[in-house]
C-alpha atoms as a PDB file:
ATOM      1  CA  MET A   1     173.234 304.643  36.863  1.00  0.00           C
ATOM      2  CA  ALA A   2     173.259 308.332  36.071  1.00  0.00           C
ATOM      3  CA  ASN A   3     170.586 307.913  33.284  1.00  0.00           C
ATOM      4  CA  HIS A   4     168.340 306.015  35.781  1.00  0.00           C
ATOM      5  CA  PHE A   5     169.037 308.749  38.483  1.00  0.00           C
ATOM      6  CA  PHE A   6     167.882 311.503  35.922  1.00  0.00           C
ATOM      7  CA  TYR A   7     164.691 309.677  34.728  1.00  0.00           C
ATOM      8  CA  LEU A   8     163.705 309.084  38.330  1.00  0.00           C
ATOM      9  CA  THR A   9     164.427 312.758  39.255  1.00  0.00           C
ATOM     10  CA  ALA A  10     162.245 313.957  36.487  1.00  0.00           C
ATOM     11  CA  GLU A  11     159.513 311.452  36.153  1.00  0.00           C
ATOM     12  CA  GLY A  12     159.403 309.607  39.617  1.00  0.00           C
ATOM     13  CA  THR A  13     158.528 305.909  40.074  1.00  0.00           C
ATOM     14  CA  GLY A  14     155.765 303.865  38.525  1.00  0.00           C
ATOM     15  CA  ALA A  15     154.491 303.068  35.024  1.00  0.00           C
ATOM     16  CA  LYS A  16     153.532 305.823  32.816  1.00  0.00           C
ATOM     17  CA  THR A  17     153.395 306.723  29.000  1.00  0.00           C
ATOM     18  CA  ILE A  18     155.625 309.336  27.809  1.00  0.00           C
ATOM     19  CA  GLY A  19     155.621 310.492  24.183  1.00  0.00           C
ATOM     20  CA  GLY A  20     153.396 307.489  23.211  1.00  0.00           C
ATOM     21  CA  LEU A  21     155.784 304.844  24.744  1.00  0.00           C
ATOM     22  CA  SER A  22     155.457 303.073  28.024  1.00  0.00           C
ATOM     23  CA  HIS A  23     158.129 303.652  30.755  1.00  0.00           C
ATOM     24  CA  ASN A  24     158.535 302.428  34.217  1.00  0.00           C
ATOM     25  CA  GLY A  25     160.664 304.095  36.746  1.00  0.00           C
ATOM     26  CA  THR A  26     161.709 301.054  38.740  1.00  0.00           C
ATOM     27  CA  PRO A  27     163.637 301.974  42.006  1.00  0.00           C
ATOM     28  CA  CYS A  28     166.208 299.555  43.439  1.00  0.00           C
ATOM     29  CA  ASN A  29     164.947 300.207  46.984  1.00  0.00           C
ATOM     30  CA  GLY A  30     161.225 299.698  46.461  1.00  0.00           C
ATOM     31  CA  ASP A  31     160.556 303.381  47.032  1.00  0.00           C
ATOM     32  CA  ASN A  32     157.608 305.330  45.590  1.00  0.00           C
ATOM     33  CA  PHE A  33     157.772 309.114  44.747  1.00  0.00           C
ATOM     34  CA  SER A  34     156.846 311.753  42.094  1.00  0.00           C
ATOM     35  CA  GLY A  35     159.262 313.485  39.965  1.00  0.00           C
ATOM     36  CA  ILE A  36     160.175 317.127  39.624  1.00  0.00           C
ATOM     37  CA  GLY A  37     159.773 317.394  36.015  1.00  0.00           C
ATOM     38  CA  LYS A  38     162.471 317.200  33.259  1.00  0.00           C
ATOM     39  CA  ASP A  39     163.047 321.068  33.263  1.00  0.00           C
ATOM     40  CA  LYS A  40     163.974 321.128  36.881  1.00  0.00           C
ATOM     41  CA  ALA A  41     165.873 318.017  36.613  1.00  0.00           C
ATOM     42  CA  ALA A  42     167.952 319.378  33.628  1.00  0.00           C
ATOM     43  CA  ALA A  43     168.577 322.585  35.414  1.00  0.00           C
ATOM     44  CA  ILE A  44     169.974 320.771  38.400  1.00  0.00           C
ATOM     45  CA  TRP A  45     172.109 318.401  36.207  1.00  0.00           C
ATOM     46  CA  TYR A  46     173.423 321.274  34.269  1.00  0.00           C
ATOM     47  CA  ARG A  47     174.462 323.481  37.276  1.00  0.00           C
ATOM     48  CA  ALA A  48     176.067 320.388  38.817  1.00  0.00           C
ATOM     49  CA  LEU A  49     177.906 319.632  35.553  1.00  0.00           C
ATOM     50  CA  THR A  50     179.173 323.169  34.865  1.00  0.00           C
ATOM     51  CA  THR A  51     179.796 324.323  38.580  1.00  0.00           C
ATOM     52  CA  TYR A  52     180.773 321.337  40.599  1.00  0.00           C
ATOM     53  CA  MET A  53     181.803 318.313  38.510  1.00  0.00           C
ATOM     54  CA  THR A  54     185.278 317.700  37.218  1.00  0.00           C
ATOM     55  CA  SER A  55     187.060 315.050  34.963  1.00  0.00           C
ATOM     56  CA  THR A  56     187.533 313.001  38.225  1.00  0.00           C
ATOM     57  CA  THR A  57     184.026 313.096  39.454  1.00  0.00           C
ATOM     58  CA  ASN A  58     182.563 309.606  40.397  1.00  0.00           C
ATOM     59  CA  TYR A  59     179.046 308.637  41.245  1.00  0.00           C
ATOM     60  CA  SER A  60     179.390 309.582  44.872  1.00  0.00           C
ATOM     61  CA  SER A  61     180.790 312.938  43.946  1.00  0.00           C
ATOM     62  CA  ALA A  62     178.013 313.374  41.281  1.00  0.00           C
ATOM     63  CA  ARG A  63     175.526 312.886  44.045  1.00  0.00           C
ATOM     64  CA  THR A  64     177.081 315.509  46.099  1.00  0.00           C
ATOM     65  CA  ALA A  65     177.227 317.869  43.301  1.00  0.00           C
ATOM     66  CA  THR A  66     173.482 317.450  42.231  1.00  0.00           C
ATOM     67  CA  LEU A  67     172.455 317.947  45.866  1.00  0.00           C
ATOM     68  CA  GLN A  68     174.397 321.210  46.027  1.00  0.00           C
ATOM     69  CA  ALA A  69     173.037 322.461  42.754  1.00  0.00           C
ATOM     70  CA  ALA A  70     169.477 321.636  43.941  1.00  0.00           C
ATOM     71  CA  ALA A  71     170.170 323.642  47.078  1.00  0.00           C
ATOM     72  CA  ASP A  72     171.702 326.580  44.873  1.00  0.00           C
ATOM     73  CA  LEU A  73     168.672 326.611  42.560  1.00  0.00           C
ATOM     74  CA  TYR A  74     165.735 325.768  44.836  1.00  0.00           C
ATOM     75  CA  GLY A  75     167.055 325.977  48.463  1.00  0.00           C
ATOM     76  CA  ALA A  76     168.608 323.599  51.029  1.00  0.00           C
ATOM     77  CA  ASN A  77     165.192 322.602  52.307  1.00  0.00           C
ATOM     78  CA  SER A  78     163.355 322.305  48.934  1.00  0.00           C
ATOM     79  CA  GLN A  79     161.340 319.478  47.709  1.00  0.00           C
ATOM     80  CA  GLU A  80     163.539 319.426  44.631  1.00  0.00           C
ATOM     81  CA  ARG A  81     166.706 318.672  46.737  1.00  0.00           C
ATOM     82  CA  TYR A  82     164.748 316.065  48.665  1.00  0.00           C
ATOM     83  CA  ILE A  83     163.708 314.399  45.402  1.00  0.00           C
ATOM     84  CA  VAL A  84     167.300 314.538  44.016  1.00  0.00           C
ATOM     85  CA  SER A  85     168.388 312.579  47.208  1.00  0.00           C
ATOM     86  CA  LYS A  86     165.395 310.135  46.753  1.00  0.00           C
ATOM     87  CA  ALA A  87     166.393 309.469  43.178  1.00  0.00           C
ATOM     88  CA  TRP A  88     170.059 308.695  44.185  1.00  0.00           C
ATOM     89  CA  ALA A  89     168.851 306.399  46.979  1.00  0.00           C
ATOM     90  CA  ALA A  90     166.588 304.623  44.461  1.00  0.00           C
ATOM     91  CA  VAL A  91     169.764 303.734  42.457  1.00  0.00           C
ATOM     92  CA  SER A  92     171.527 302.410  45.333  1.00  0.00           C
ATOM     93  CA  LEU A  93     173.701 305.429  46.262  1.00  0.00           C
ATOM     94  CA  GLY A  94     173.313 307.074  49.538  1.00  0.00           C
ATOM     95  CA  THR A  95     170.193 307.609  51.605  1.00  0.00           C
ATOM     96  CA  ALA A  96     167.454 309.956  51.049  1.00  0.00           C
ATOM     97  CA  LEU A  97     167.235 313.197  53.109  1.00  0.00           C
ATOM     98  CA  PRO A  98     164.548 314.037  55.557  1.00  0.00           C
ATOM     99  CA  ASP A  99     161.442 315.047  53.808  1.00  0.00           C
ATOM    100  CA  PRO A 100     161.201 318.825  54.199  1.00  0.00           C
ATOM    101  CA  GLY A 101     157.413 318.621  54.271  1.00  0.00           C
ATOM    102  CA  GLY A 102     157.223 315.856  56.816  1.00  0.00           C
ATOM    103  CA  SER A 103     155.900 312.329  55.943  1.00  0.00           C
ATOM    104  CA  THR A 104     155.983 311.574  52.230  1.00  0.00           C
ATOM    105  CA  GLY A 105     152.625 312.037  50.604  1.00  0.00           C
ATOM    106  CA  SER A 106     150.880 314.011  53.259  1.00  0.00           C
ATOM    107  CA  PRO A 107     151.035 317.433  54.905  1.00  0.00           C
ATOM    108  CA  SER A 108     153.439 317.924  57.803  1.00  0.00           C
ATOM    109  CA  PRO A 109     151.520 318.164  61.043  1.00  0.00           C
ATOM    110  CA  SER A 110     152.029 321.242  63.124  1.00  0.00           C
ATOM    111  CA  PRO A 111     154.503 321.060  65.934  1.00  0.00           C
ATOM    112  CA  SER A 112     152.651 320.612  69.338  1.00  0.00           C
ATOM    113  CA  GLY A 113     152.974 322.944  72.307  1.00  0.00           C
ATOM    114  CA  SER A 114     153.371 326.522  72.841  1.00  0.00           C
ATOM    115  CA  PRO A 115     155.502 328.351  70.198  1.00  0.00           C
ATOM    116  CA  THR A 116     157.382 330.216  72.727  1.00  0.00           C
ATOM    117  CA  GLY A 117     159.146 329.487  76.066  1.00  0.00           C
ATOM    118  CA  ASN A 118     160.444 326.353  77.534  1.00  0.00           C
ATOM    119  CA  PRO A 119     157.759 323.686  77.675  1.00  0.00           C
ATOM    120  CA  ASN A 120     160.177 321.206  79.573  1.00  0.00           C
ATOM    121  CA  PRO A 121     160.415 321.885  83.197  1.00  0.00           C
ATOM    122  CA  GLY A 122     163.786 321.236  84.699  1.00  0.00           C
ATOM    123  CA  ASN A 123     165.404 321.562  81.321  1.00  0.00           C
ATOM    124  CA  ALA A 124     167.519 324.613  80.581  1.00  0.00           C
ATOM    125  CA  LEU A 125     167.095 323.964  76.763  1.00  0.00           C
ATOM    126  CA  THR A 126     164.204 325.316  74.849  1.00  0.00           C
ATOM    127  CA  ASN A 127     162.260 322.519  72.932  1.00  0.00           C
ATOM    128  CA  GLY A 128     164.801 319.837  73.893  1.00  0.00           C
ATOM    129  CA  ASP A 129     162.392 317.122  72.575  1.00  0.00           C
ATOM    130  CA  PHE A 130     161.938 318.817  69.366  1.00  0.00           C
ATOM    131  CA  GLU A 131     158.126 318.759  69.495  1.00  0.00           C
ATOM    132  CA  GLN A 132     157.913 322.338  68.521  1.00  0.00           C
ATOM    133  CA  GLY A 133     159.852 321.671  65.368  1.00  0.00           C
ATOM    134  CA  ALA A 134     162.857 323.995  64.952  1.00  0.00           C
ATOM    135  CA  THR A 135     161.846 326.437  67.720  1.00  0.00           C
ATOM    136  CA  GLY A 136     164.836 327.389  69.835  1.00  0.00           C
ATOM    137  CA  TRP A 137     167.322 325.631  67.535  1.00  0.00           C
ATOM    138  CA  THR A 138     169.607 326.771  64.593  1.00  0.00           C
ATOM    139  CA  GLN A 139     170.177 324.169  61.958  1.00  0.00           C
ATOM    140  CA  SER A 140     172.442 324.164  58.962  1.00  0.00           C
ATOM    141  CA  ALA A 141     170.229 321.614  57.215  1.00  0.00           C
ATOM    142  CA  ASN A 142     166.636 320.553  57.799  1.00  0.00           C
ATOM    143  CA  ASP A 143     167.570 318.216  60.506  1.00  0.00           C
ATOM    144  CA  ILE A 144     164.610 318.474  62.777  1.00  0.00           C
ATOM    145  CA  THR A 145     161.819 316.404  61.279  1.00  0.00           C
ATOM    146  CA  ASN A 146     158.760 314.393  61.842  1.00  0.00           C
ATOM    147  CA  SER A 147     159.596 312.158  58.834  1.00  0.00           C
ATOM    148  CA  ASN A 148     158.328 308.518  59.234  1.00  0.00           C
ATOM    149  CA  GLN A 149     161.441 307.353  57.311  1.00  0.00           C
ATOM    150  CA  GLN A 150     163.003 307.073  60.828  1.00  0.00           C
ATOM    151  CA  THR A 151     161.601 306.589  64.372  1.00  0.00           C
ATOM    152  CA  PRO A 152     161.798 309.195  67.234  1.00  0.00           C
ATOM    153  CA  HIS A 153     162.717 308.166  70.794  1.00  0.00           C
ATOM    154  CA  GLY A 154     159.623 309.831  71.990  1.00  0.00           C
ATOM    155  CA  GLY A 155     156.890 312.020  70.485  1.00  0.00           C
ATOM    156  CA  SER A 156     156.829 312.644  66.852  1.00  0.00           C
ATOM    157  CA  TRP A 157     159.735 315.050  66.215  1.00  0.00           C
ATOM    158  CA  TYR A 158     163.453 314.301  66.258  1.00  0.00           C
ATOM    159  CA  ALA A 159     166.788 315.413  64.750  1.00  0.00           C
ATOM    160  CA  TRP A 160     168.117 313.417  61.785  1.00  0.00           C
ATOM    161  CA  MET A 161     171.871 314.349  61.147  1.00  0.00           C
ATOM    162  CA  MET A 162     174.042 313.085  58.291  1.00  0.00           C
ATOM    163  CA  GLY A 163     173.286 309.881  56.350  1.00  0.00           C
ATOM    164  CA  TYR A 164     174.429 311.269  52.956  1.00  0.00           C
ATOM    165  CA  GLY A 165     177.047 308.562  51.934  1.00  0.00           C
ATOM    166  CA  SER A 166     179.267 311.451  50.618  1.00  0.00           C
ATOM    167  CA  ALA A 167     181.445 314.140  52.071  1.00  0.00           C
ATOM    168  CA  ASN A 168     179.272 316.498  54.034  1.00  0.00           C
ATOM    169  CA  SER A 169     178.915 318.354  57.417  1.00  0.00           C
ATOM    170  CA  GLU A 170     176.012 319.697  59.463  1.00  0.00           C
ATOM    171  CA  THR A 171     175.427 321.496  62.669  1.00  0.00           C
ATOM    172  CA  LEU A 172     172.513 321.824  65.130  1.00  0.00           C
ATOM    173  CA  SER A 173     172.915 324.269  67.932  1.00  0.00           C
ATOM    174  CA  GLN A 174     171.256 326.300  70.661  1.00  0.00           C
ATOM    175  CA  SER A 175     172.626 329.386  72.196  1.00  0.00           C
ATOM    176  CA  ASN A 176     172.322 331.364  75.529  1.00  0.00           C
ATOM    177  CA  ILE A 177     171.667 328.326  77.601  1.00  0.00           C
ATOM    178  CA  ALA A 178     171.599 328.868  81.363  1.00  0.00           C
ATOM    179  CA  VAL A 179     173.364 325.919  83.030  1.00  0.00           C
ATOM    180  CA  PRO A 180     172.172 325.532  86.619  1.00  0.00           C
ATOM    181  CA  ALA A 181     174.296 327.126  89.245  1.00  0.00           C
ATOM    182  CA  THR A 182     173.831 324.433  91.783  1.00  0.00           C
ATOM    183  CA  GLY A 183     174.160 320.582  91.932  1.00  0.00           C
ATOM    184  CA  SER A 184     175.963 318.550  89.186  1.00  0.00           C
ATOM    185  CA  PRO A 185     174.577 319.982  85.946  1.00  0.00           C
ATOM    186  CA  ARG A 186     174.699 317.473  82.985  1.00  0.00           C
ATOM    187  CA  LEU A 187     173.860 317.121  79.357  1.00  0.00           C
ATOM    188  CA  THR A 188     171.772 314.082  78.459  1.00  0.00           C
ATOM    189  CA  PHE A 189     170.193 313.048  75.098  1.00  0.00           C
ATOM    190  CA  TRP A 190     169.303 309.855  73.281  1.00  0.00           C
ATOM    191  CA  LEU A 191     171.187 308.932  70.195  1.00  0.00           C
ATOM    192  CA  LYS A 192     170.773 306.247  67.634  1.00  0.00           C
ATOM    193  CA  VAL A 193     173.638 305.573  65.211  1.00  0.00           C
ATOM    194  CA  THR A 194     173.199 303.412  62.034  1.00  0.00           C
ATOM    195  CA  THR A 195     175.940 303.022  59.581  1.00  0.00           C
ATOM    196  CA  ALA A 196     176.917 301.264  56.318  1.00  0.00           C
ATOM    197  CA  GLU A 197     180.646 301.513  57.477  1.00  0.00           C
ATOM    198  CA  THR A 198     182.391 298.411  59.024  1.00  0.00           C
ATOM    199  CA  GLY A 199     184.948 298.113  61.777  1.00  0.00           C
ATOM    200  CA  THR A 200     185.904 300.614  64.486  1.00  0.00           C
ATOM    201  CA  THR A 201     187.529 303.200  62.595  1.00  0.00           C
ATOM    202  CA  PRO A 202     185.662 306.562  63.110  1.00  0.00           C
ATOM    203  CA  TYR A 203     185.053 307.595  59.547  1.00  0.00           C
ATOM    204  CA  ASP A 204     181.923 309.672  60.314  1.00  0.00           C
ATOM    205  CA  THR A 205     181.492 311.620  63.482  1.00  0.00           C
ATOM    206  CA  LEU A 206     179.034 313.544  65.569  1.00  0.00           C
ATOM    207  CA  LYS A 207     180.788 315.926  68.040  1.00  0.00           C
ATOM    208  CA  VAL A 208     179.284 317.644  70.972  1.00  0.00           C
ATOM    209  CA  ASN A 209     180.619 321.095  71.461  1.00  0.00           C
ATOM    210  CA  VAL A 210     179.919 323.527  74.440  1.00  0.00           C
ATOM    211  CA  ASN A 211     181.296 327.116  73.889  1.00  0.00           C
ATOM    212  CA  GLY A 212     183.504 325.629  71.035  1.00  0.00           C
ATOM    213  CA  ALA A 213     185.072 323.023  73.181  1.00  0.00           C
ATOM    214  CA  THR A 214     184.403 319.302  72.116  1.00  0.00           C
ATOM    215  CA  LEU A 215     183.173 317.331  75.216  1.00  0.00           C
ATOM    216  CA  ALA A 216     182.380 314.158  73.417  1.00  0.00           C
ATOM    217  CA  THR A 217     182.681 312.390  69.936  1.00  0.00           C
ATOM    218  CA  TYR A 218     180.436 309.660  68.668  1.00  0.00           C
ATOM    219  CA  SER A 219     181.055 307.912  65.316  1.00  0.00           C
ATOM    220  CA  ASN A 220     180.018 305.079  63.129  1.00  0.00           C
ATOM    221  CA  ALA A 221     181.793 302.785  65.670  1.00  0.00           C
ATOM    222  CA  ASN A 222     178.964 303.543  68.129  1.00  0.00           C
ATOM    223  CA  ALA A 223     176.270 302.109  65.913  1.00  0.00           C
ATOM    224  CA  SER A 224     173.325 300.666  67.911  1.00  0.00           C
ATOM    225  CA  ALA A 225     170.134 298.731  67.200  1.00  0.00           C
ATOM    226  CA  GLY A 226     168.131 301.519  69.101  1.00  0.00           C
ATOM    227  CA  TYR A 227     168.444 304.688  71.026  1.00  0.00           C
ATOM    228  CA  VAL A 228     171.062 304.893  73.711  1.00  0.00           C
ATOM    229  CA  GLN A 229     171.048 307.517  76.519  1.00  0.00           C
ATOM    230  CA  LYS A 230     174.294 309.643  76.564  1.00  0.00           C
ATOM    231  CA  THR A 231     175.367 311.766  79.372  1.00  0.00           C
ATOM    232  CA  ILE A 232     178.020 314.545  79.447  1.00  0.00           C
ATOM    233  CA  ASP A 233     179.147 316.279  82.792  1.00  0.00           C
ATOM    234  CA  LEU A 234     178.725 320.061  82.631  1.00  0.00           C
ATOM    235  CA  SER A 235     180.043 320.863  86.172  1.00  0.00           C
ATOM    236  CA  ALA A 236     182.775 323.033  84.634  1.00  0.00           C
ATOM    237  CA  TYR A 237     180.061 325.222  83.180  1.00  0.00           C
ATOM    238  CA  ARG A 238     178.057 325.601  86.420  1.00  0.00           C
ATOM    239  CA  GLY A 239     176.210 328.818  86.594  1.00  0.00           C
ATOM    240  CA  GLN A 240     177.313 330.029  83.055  1.00  0.00           C
ATOM    241  CA  THR A 241     175.508 330.796  79.886  1.00  0.00           C
ATOM    242  CA  VAL A 242     176.733 328.467  77.106  1.00  0.00           C
ATOM    243  CA  ASN A 243     176.254 327.596  73.583  1.00  0.00           C
ATOM    244  CA  LEU A 244     175.552 324.005  72.667  1.00  0.00           C
ATOM    245  CA  GLN A 245     176.465 322.449  69.254  1.00  0.00           C
ATOM    246  CA  PHE A 246     175.989 319.112  67.711  1.00  0.00           C
ATOM    247  CA  ALA A 247     178.476 318.889  64.795  1.00  0.00           C
ATOM    248  CA  GLY A 248     178.273 316.055  62.237  1.00  0.00           C
ATOM    249  CA  GLN A 249     180.872 315.221  59.607  1.00  0.00           C
ATOM    250  CA  GLU A 250     180.658 312.359  56.979  1.00  0.00           C
ATOM    251  CA  ASP A 251     183.585 311.248  54.655  1.00  0.00           C
ATOM    252  CA  ALA A 252     183.128 310.586  50.979  1.00  0.00           C
ATOM    253  CA  TYR A 253     181.954 306.930  51.249  1.00  0.00           C
ATOM    254  CA  LEU A 254     179.242 304.988  52.976  1.00  0.00           C
ATOM    255  CA  ALA A 255     176.547 306.643  55.083  1.00  0.00           C
ATOM    256  CA  THR A 256     176.306 306.975  58.797  1.00  0.00           C
ATOM    257  CA  THR A 257     173.028 308.442  60.190  1.00  0.00           C
ATOM    258  CA  PHE A 258     172.862 310.193  63.744  1.00  0.00           C
ATOM    259  CA  LEU A 259     169.379 310.440  65.326  1.00  0.00           C
ATOM    260  CA  LEU A 260     168.902 312.658  68.341  1.00  0.00           C
ATOM    261  CA  ASP A 261     166.035 313.127  70.640  1.00  0.00           C
ATOM    262  CA  ASP A 262     164.919 314.260  74.154  1.00  0.00           C
ATOM    263  CA  VAL A 263     167.938 316.517  74.796  1.00  0.00           C
ATOM    264  CA  SER A 264     168.274 318.090  78.234  1.00  0.00           C
ATOM    265  CA  ILE A 265     170.492 320.163  80.333  1.00  0.00           C
ATOM    266  CA  GLY A 266     169.646 320.177  84.002  1.00  0.00           C
END
């Protein structure tokens, strides 16, 4: 598996001739992508091997190690790290990360709407539908995306959290949100959960935190065929300025993906 992963990372998929010999990088999932070259692939593997891997490292841990090594060398939102995740998925380990450049093989379209201000009347959040890309949000990974690998609830942009199939955590947050001072303010959003886990034990979670307090927790046990609207009462924060955070946590085995869209406070 590791040899197949390395070849796909370096050379990508498809038939080609290397050193006068015919090769075919056949993926297990039918994917199609270009490699990053053997020099970059070797640099990532060497850093992962010397910095993060141990005598007990298994394939899942090797995936985590190479993703971290790629982030160290080329950046967390780099195309190199993305291709590493694609290569692991192509050998049936984990799920590919969102494309940092948008849809694979084509330039990422520019986010629509005004780059500043709140384009959603009645919504205390800035850019709650993500159609302005990352405007207004702070993300620990490249969660906000218009990748065509998943489907948004509305528009073209959405937040794709987790889905690594290995131990990882991510956060997506917005600060200084003015909760309405009248009525019954609430947080609403659309959530789609897909998972390789089975049963009702919450192995992988997405927590909704307001000012550091967890108001709701969703997990692999909340898997659904499509988006489901979630509502959280914010009456306790009426008239206050708050910080909102979505915090994802995934265990070492089997992937769970949390898709967020159309987030609103009003």
